[in-house]
Amino acid sequence: MFSGALDDLKTLKIVLSHGGGYIPYQIGRFVHGHKVRKDTKQETRTSPEKMLRRFWYDALVHDEAALRYLIERVGADRVVLGTDAPFDMGEENPLERLKAVKRLSIADRELICSGNAMKLYGGKL
């Protein structure tokens, strides 16, 4: 985020596993650092908050509240289904996990289940 690479490589697609890890939940710290520290904005013109939507995120967080936050923070149109299969940390039923997310519209659920992956990987809807 602070290297300038995302400013230069505008078509680069990056998928962050496990809900983006630390990034969506600590974006305020990155934004603050970009504002107050010269070294963090030396190479990067774009605010880290705007960069959140440059990434794609998998929905594999094993927690309804965390998944709800991720969707609210980055948008349902930036989240794809994740499973971790065949590993033991995998989500046994990712579709059921997604159904458990309160206030998630059918359209957003369809985006996360398939539509976003089709956009991300160049498929046709």
Protein backbone atom coordinates (compact mmCIF):
# COMPACT_ATOMS: atom_id res chain seq x y z
CA MET A 1 0.00 0.00 0.00
CA PHE A 2 2.83 2.42 0.66
CA SER A 3 5.24 1.45 -2.13
CA GLY A 4 3.47 3.25 -4.97
CA ALA A 5 2.98 -0.03 -6.85
CA LEU A 6 -0.82 0.20 -6.72
CA ASP A 7 -0.69 3.73 -8.14
CA ASP A 8 1.41 2.47 -11.04
CA LEU A 9 -0.23 -0.93 -11.65
CA LYS A 10 -3.86 0.12 -11.95
CA THR A 11 -5.08 -3.17 -13.48
CA LEU A 12 -3.29 -5.49 -11.04
CA LYS A 13 -5.73 -7.74 -9.20
CA ILE A 14 -4.82 -8.92 -5.71
CA VAL A 15 -6.91 -11.35 -3.66
CA LEU A 16 -6.31 -11.25 0.10
CA SER A 17 -7.11 -14.47 1.91
CA HIS A 18 -8.94 -14.84 5.21
CA GLY A 19 -10.95 -11.65 4.90
CA GLY A 20 -7.87 -9.58 4.19
CA GLY A 21 -6.33 -10.45 7.55
CA TYR A 22 -5.33 -7.34 9.47
CA ILE A 23 -5.93 -4.81 6.69
CA PRO A 24 -9.69 -4.08 6.75
CA TYR A 25 -9.78 -3.98 10.52
CA GLN A 26 -6.85 -1.60 10.99
CA ILE A 27 -7.30 0.63 7.94
CA GLY A 28 -7.73 3.62 10.23
CA ARG A 29 -4.16 3.16 11.45
CA PHE A 30 -2.88 3.09 7.86
CA VAL A 31 -4.88 6.22 6.97
CA HIS A 32 -3.58 8.03 10.04
CA GLY A 33 0.01 7.05 9.25
CA HIS A 34 -0.40 8.22 5.65
CA LYS A 35 -1.60 11.61 6.92
CA VAL A 36 1.03 12.24 9.60
CA ARG A 37 4.19 10.50 8.41
CA LYS A 38 6.18 11.69 5.42
CA ASP A 39 7.73 8.27 4.81
CA THR A 40 4.35 6.56 4.35
CA LYS A 41 3.22 8.91 1.60
CA GLN A 42 6.59 9.44 -0.01
CA GLU A 43 5.94 6.83 -2.72
CA THR A 44 2.14 6.62 -2.65
CA ARG A 45 -0.30 9.29 -3.77
CA THR A 46 -3.47 7.35 -2.91
CA SER A 47 -4.93 7.14 0.58
CA PRO A 48 -4.96 3.62 2.03
CA GLU A 49 -8.72 3.94 2.55
CA LYS A 50 -9.25 4.33 -1.19
CA MET A 51 -6.93 1.39 -1.79
CA LEU A 52 -9.19 -0.97 0.17
CA ARG A 53 -11.33 -1.37 -2.94
CA ARG A 54 -8.32 -2.22 -5.07
CA PHE A 55 -8.17 -5.60 -3.35
CA TRP A 56 -10.47 -8.60 -3.42
CA TYR A 57 -11.12 -10.51 -0.17
CA ASP A 58 -12.13 -14.07 0.48
CA ALA A 59 -15.00 -14.65 2.92
CA LEU A 60 -13.15 -17.25 4.98
CA VAL A 61 -13.23 -15.70 8.44
CA HIS A 62 -15.28 -18.32 10.38
CA ASP A 63 -17.31 -15.62 12.12
CA GLU A 64 -20.57 -13.98 11.06
CA ALA A 65 -19.78 -10.62 12.72
CA ALA A 66 -16.33 -10.42 11.10
CA LEU A 67 -17.77 -11.29 7.69
CA ARG A 68 -20.53 -8.70 8.12
CA TYR A 69 -17.91 -6.07 8.98
CA LEU A 70 -15.78 -7.02 5.98
CA ILE A 71 -18.75 -6.73 3.62
CA GLU A 72 -19.79 -3.39 5.12
CA ARG A 73 -16.23 -2.05 4.96
CA VAL A 74 -15.11 -3.08 1.47
CA GLY A 75 -18.43 -3.84 -0.25
CA ALA A 76 -20.03 -7.13 -1.19
CA ASP A 77 -18.75 -6.59 -4.72
CA ARG A 78 -15.16 -7.11 -3.49
CA VAL A 79 -15.70 -10.37 -1.53
CA VAL A 80 -15.41 -13.88 -2.96
CA LEU A 81 -16.19 -17.24 -1.43
CA GLY A 82 -13.30 -19.00 0.28
CA THR A 83 -13.01 -22.55 1.61
CA ASP A 84 -9.41 -23.52 2.54
CA ALA A 85 -10.33 -27.03 1.32
CA PRO A 86 -8.93 -29.63 1.79
CA PHE A 87 -7.17 -28.37 4.91
CA ASP A 88 -8.50 -28.76 8.46
CA MET A 89 -9.04 -25.01 8.81
CA GLY A 90 -11.38 -25.08 5.83
CA GLU A 91 -14.97 -23.96 5.92
CA GLU A 92 -17.06 -27.12 5.72
CA ASN A 93 -20.09 -25.34 4.34
CA PRO A 94 -19.23 -21.85 3.04
CA LEU A 95 -22.70 -21.35 1.54
CA GLU A 96 -24.37 -21.93 4.90
CA ARG A 97 -21.91 -19.54 6.55
CA LEU A 98 -22.84 -16.89 4.01
CA LYS A 99 -26.56 -17.49 4.55
CA ALA A 100 -26.06 -16.77 8.26
CA VAL A 101 -24.89 -13.20 7.57
CA LYS A 102 -27.73 -10.93 8.70
CA ARG A 103 -29.07 -8.26 6.36
CA LEU A 104 -27.20 -9.61 3.34
CA SER A 105 -29.31 -9.18 0.23
CA ILE A 106 -29.86 -11.98 -2.27
CA ALA A 107 -28.01 -9.91 -4.89
CA ASP A 108 -24.98 -9.46 -2.59
CA ARG A 109 -25.03 -13.16 -1.69
CA GLU A 110 -24.99 -14.06 -5.40
CA LEU A 111 -22.09 -11.69 -5.99
CA ILE A 112 -20.06 -13.33 -3.23
CA CYS A 113 -21.00 -16.89 -4.26
CA SER A 114 -20.18 -16.55 -7.95
CA GLY A 115 -20.55 -13.16 -9.61
CA ASN A 116 -17.42 -11.61 -8.15
CA ALA A 117 -15.26 -14.62 -9.02
CA MET A 118 -16.54 -14.42 -12.59
CA LYS A 119 -15.56 -10.72 -12.77
CA LEU A 120 -12.24 -11.33 -11.06
CA TYR A 121 -11.17 -14.21 -13.27
CA GLY A 122 -12.69 -12.94 -16.50
CA GLY A 123 -15.62 -15.33 -16.82
CA LYS A 124 -18.97 -14.48 -18.29
CA LEU A 125 -22.16 -14.20 -16.28
